[in-house]
């Protein structure tokens, strides 16, 4: 950034957490660049396209990102969190349970979005991935599974959206949880 220009929060511009790794920067950029590209007739925005391209060029390069992070700290009075290292996936007995919990988190987030914005039910995949905090490979598995089950779909804007089957699944899971809670509350206390 030049000394005389106004500070721009590139992390906010790309809608990513300052602690994300390079692959998340790339995903955010690809999605936003496609969205704002001048060839995309419905959402074209040349200024935003140029801004996200500039942010990407700086944040993808480790040296330039470190320089930007120093400026970020000086401007905002806080250090961006260090990038989280990717852990190798270790499969053990609890992996299936963790996967089921991730699937439920994804479905609940998409259910909430569809309820709040029925006209725009899609959510950018990297935002969901960031919210549940999983690796690229793990997230690909989750989306493959949910898509294969018919619970989610990929929209024309390359966003994730819940399907009717997904909504039905969320509702049935919510009912089951409510019944379980009612059963637990109705049990007499052991003396």
Protein backbone atom coordinates (compact mmCIF):
# COMPACT_ATOMS: atom_id res chain seq x y z
CA UNK A 1 0.00 0.00 0.00
CA UNK A 2 1.19 3.50 -0.76
CA UNK A 3 1.84 5.91 2.12
CA UNK A 4 -0.74 8.44 0.94
CA UNK A 5 -3.64 6.05 0.33
CA UNK A 6 -6.38 5.12 2.75
CA UNK A 7 -6.02 1.83 4.65
CA UNK A 8 -8.19 -1.03 3.37
CA UNK A 9 -8.90 -4.08 5.51
CA UNK A 10 -8.14 -6.79 2.95
CA UNK A 11 -9.34 -9.52 5.28
CA UNK A 12 -12.75 -7.89 5.59
CA UNK A 13 -12.79 -7.19 1.85
CA UNK A 14 -12.25 -10.89 1.07
CA UNK A 15 -14.64 -11.85 3.90
CA UNK A 16 -12.05 -14.07 5.57
CA UNK A 17 -10.57 -14.39 9.01
CA UNK A 18 -7.10 -12.89 9.41
CA UNK A 19 -5.90 -16.25 10.73
CA UNK A 20 -6.83 -18.19 7.60
CA UNK A 21 -4.28 -20.00 5.50
CA UNK A 22 -3.35 -19.32 1.89
CA UNK A 23 -5.84 -21.84 0.47
CA UNK A 24 -8.72 -19.98 2.14
CA UNK A 25 -7.43 -16.70 0.67
CA UNK A 26 -7.46 -18.33 -2.77
CA UNK A 27 -10.97 -19.72 -2.34
CA UNK A 28 -12.36 -16.38 -1.21
CA UNK A 29 -10.64 -14.59 -4.06
CA UNK A 30 -11.84 -17.04 -6.72
CA UNK A 31 -15.42 -16.73 -5.54
CA UNK A 32 -15.42 -12.92 -5.29
CA UNK A 33 -13.46 -12.44 -8.52
CA UNK A 34 -15.99 -14.58 -10.36
CA UNK A 35 -18.84 -12.67 -8.73
CA UNK A 36 -17.50 -9.18 -9.55
CA UNK A 37 -15.83 -9.98 -12.89
CA UNK A 38 -16.89 -7.58 -15.67
CA UNK A 39 -18.07 -10.56 -17.76
CA UNK A 40 -20.59 -11.56 -15.08
CA UNK A 41 -23.56 -9.49 -16.24
CA UNK A 42 -25.70 -9.69 -13.08
CA UNK A 43 -23.07 -8.85 -10.44
CA UNK A 44 -20.24 -7.13 -12.34
CA UNK A 45 -18.40 -4.46 -10.37
CA UNK A 46 -15.05 -3.42 -11.82
CA UNK A 47 -13.95 -1.48 -8.72
CA UNK A 48 -14.68 -4.38 -6.37
CA UNK A 49 -13.05 -6.80 -8.81
CA UNK A 50 -9.87 -4.70 -8.80
CA UNK A 51 -9.94 -4.37 -4.98
CA UNK A 52 -10.30 -8.12 -4.37
CA UNK A 53 -7.58 -8.84 -6.95
CA UNK A 54 -5.23 -6.43 -5.18
CA UNK A 55 -6.05 -7.92 -1.77
CA UNK A 56 -5.41 -11.41 -3.13
CA UNK A 57 -2.05 -10.47 -4.65
CA UNK A 58 -0.88 -9.12 -1.30
CA UNK A 59 -2.32 -11.80 1.00
CA UNK A 60 -1.23 -14.79 -1.11
CA UNK A 61 2.44 -13.80 -0.91
CA UNK A 62 3.95 -14.57 2.53
CA UNK A 63 6.38 -11.62 2.47
CA UNK A 64 3.81 -9.08 1.28
CA UNK A 65 1.24 -10.45 3.73
CA UNK A 66 3.70 -10.00 6.63
CA UNK A 67 4.26 -6.39 5.55
CA UNK A 68 0.52 -5.84 5.28
CA UNK A 69 -0.03 -7.42 8.72
CA UNK A 70 2.39 -4.87 10.25
CA UNK A 71 0.36 -2.09 8.62
CA UNK A 72 -2.86 -3.77 9.79
CA UNK A 73 -1.57 -3.80 13.37
CA UNK A 74 -0.50 -0.15 13.20
CA UNK A 75 -3.81 0.92 11.67
CA UNK A 76 -6.23 -1.17 13.75
CA UNK A 77 -4.19 -1.51 16.94
CA UNK A 78 -4.27 -5.31 16.87
CA UNK A 79 -2.27 -8.07 15.29
CA UNK A 80 -4.03 -10.36 12.89
CA UNK A 81 -4.05 -13.86 14.36
CA UNK A 82 -1.37 -16.20 13.05
CA UNK A 83 -2.40 -18.53 10.27
CA UNK A 84 -3.59 -21.86 11.59
CA UNK A 85 -1.47 -24.80 10.45
CA UNK A 86 -3.21 -27.61 8.64
CA UNK A 87 -3.33 -30.84 10.61
CA UNK A 88 -3.29 -34.22 8.94
CA UNK A 89 -6.55 -36.04 9.31
CA UNK A 90 -6.31 -38.95 11.70
CA UNK A 91 -9.21 -41.38 11.53
CA UNK A 92 -10.25 -42.87 14.84
CA UNK A 93 -13.48 -43.99 16.50
CA UNK A 94 -14.72 -40.46 17.04
CA UNK A 95 -14.25 -39.31 13.42
CA UNK A 96 -17.72 -40.43 12.33
CA UNK A 97 -19.31 -38.60 15.25
CA UNK A 98 -17.31 -35.46 14.45
CA UNK A 99 -18.37 -35.76 10.80
CA UNK A 100 -22.03 -36.08 11.79
CA UNK A 101 -21.70 -32.96 13.95
CA UNK A 102 -20.08 -31.06 11.06
CA UNK A 103 -22.90 -32.17 8.74
CA UNK A 104 -25.47 -30.89 11.23
CA UNK A 105 -23.65 -27.55 11.58
CA UNK A 106 -23.55 -27.12 7.81
CA UNK A 107 -27.22 -28.01 7.44
CA UNK A 108 -28.27 -25.73 10.30
CA UNK A 109 -26.33 -22.79 8.84
CA UNK A 110 -27.91 -23.36 5.42
CA UNK A 111 -31.36 -23.88 6.96
CA UNK A 112 -31.05 -20.58 8.83
CA UNK A 113 -29.95 -18.79 5.65
CA UNK A 114 -32.88 -20.20 3.65
CA UNK A 115 -35.35 -19.19 6.40
CA UNK A 116 -33.93 -15.67 6.60
CA UNK A 117 -33.28 -15.08 2.89
CA UNK A 118 -35.53 -17.37 0.84
CA UNK A 119 -34.81 -15.26 -2.25
CA UNK A 120 -31.02 -15.73 -1.83
CA UNK A 121 -30.54 -19.03 0.02
CA UNK A 122 -26.93 -19.65 -1.03
CA UNK A 123 -23.84 -19.28 1.13
CA UNK A 124 -20.27 -19.18 -0.15
CA UNK A 125 -18.64 -22.54 0.64
CA UNK A 126 -15.51 -21.00 2.16
CA UNK A 127 -17.66 -19.10 4.68
CA UNK A 128 -19.28 -22.32 5.89
CA UNK A 129 -15.89 -24.04 5.93
CA UNK A 130 -14.44 -21.21 7.99
CA UNK A 131 -17.40 -21.35 10.39
CA UNK A 132 -17.02 -25.05 11.10
CA UNK A 133 -13.21 -24.87 11.03
CA UNK A 134 -12.20 -27.86 8.96
CA UNK A 135 -9.55 -28.65 6.37
CA UNK A 136 -10.16 -28.43 2.62
CA UNK A 137 -10.21 -32.22 2.24
CA UNK A 138 -12.57 -32.66 5.15
CA UNK A 139 -14.92 -29.97 3.84
CA UNK A 140 -14.93 -31.56 0.39
CA UNK A 141 -15.97 -34.83 2.04
CA UNK A 142 -18.77 -33.12 3.97
CA UNK A 143 -20.15 -31.34 0.90
CA UNK A 144 -19.86 -34.50 -1.22
CA UNK A 145 -21.77 -36.49 1.39
CA UNK A 146 -24.53 -33.90 1.92
CA UNK A 147 -24.90 -33.35 -1.83
CA UNK A 148 -25.05 -37.11 -2.50
CA UNK A 149 -27.75 -37.50 0.16
CA UNK A 150 -29.72 -34.73 -1.56
CA UNK A 151 -29.53 -32.44 1.50
CA UNK A 152 -27.63 -29.61 -0.25
CA UNK A 153 -27.13 -28.33 -3.76
CA UNK A 154 -24.69 -26.05 -5.56
CA UNK A 155 -26.41 -22.94 -6.93
CA UNK A 156 -25.66 -21.25 -10.25
CA UNK A 157 -23.53 -18.77 -8.27
CA UNK A 158 -21.41 -21.69 -6.93
CA UNK A 159 -22.91 -21.30 -3.46
CA UNK A 160 -24.22 -24.00 -1.15
CA UNK A 161 -27.97 -24.10 -0.45
CA UNK A 162 -30.13 -26.50 1.52
CA UNK A 163 -32.70 -28.59 -0.37
CA UNK A 164 -36.21 -29.68 0.66
CA UNK A 165 -34.73 -33.01 1.79
CA UNK A 166 -32.18 -31.10 3.87
CA UNK A 167 -34.90 -28.99 5.50
CA UNK A 168 -36.89 -32.14 6.30
CA UNK A 169 -33.76 -33.69 7.84
CA UNK A 170 -33.09 -30.64 10.03
CA UNK A 171 -36.73 -30.62 11.21
CA UNK A 172 -36.73 -34.36 12.00
CA UNK A 173 -33.45 -34.05 13.90
CA UNK A 174 -34.86 -31.10 15.86
CA UNK A 175 -37.97 -33.10 16.74
CA UNK A 176 -35.87 -36.05 17.88
CA UNK A 177 -33.77 -33.77 20.09
CA UNK A 178 -36.89 -32.20 21.58
CA UNK A 179 -38.41 -35.63 22.34
CA UNK A 180 -35.16 -36.77 23.92
CA UNK A 181 -35.07 -33.67 26.12
CA UNK A 182 -38.72 -34.15 27.16
CA UNK A 183 -38.03 -37.79 28.07
CA UNK A 184 -35.02 -36.80 30.17
CA UNK A 185 -37.04 -34.12 31.96
CA UNK A 186 -39.89 -36.53 32.73
CA UNK A 187 -37.65 -39.15 34.38
CA UNK A 188 -37.97 -39.18 38.17
CA UNK A 189 -34.81 -38.13 39.96
CA UNK A 190 -32.86 -40.95 41.59
CA UNK A 191 -32.73 -40.66 45.35
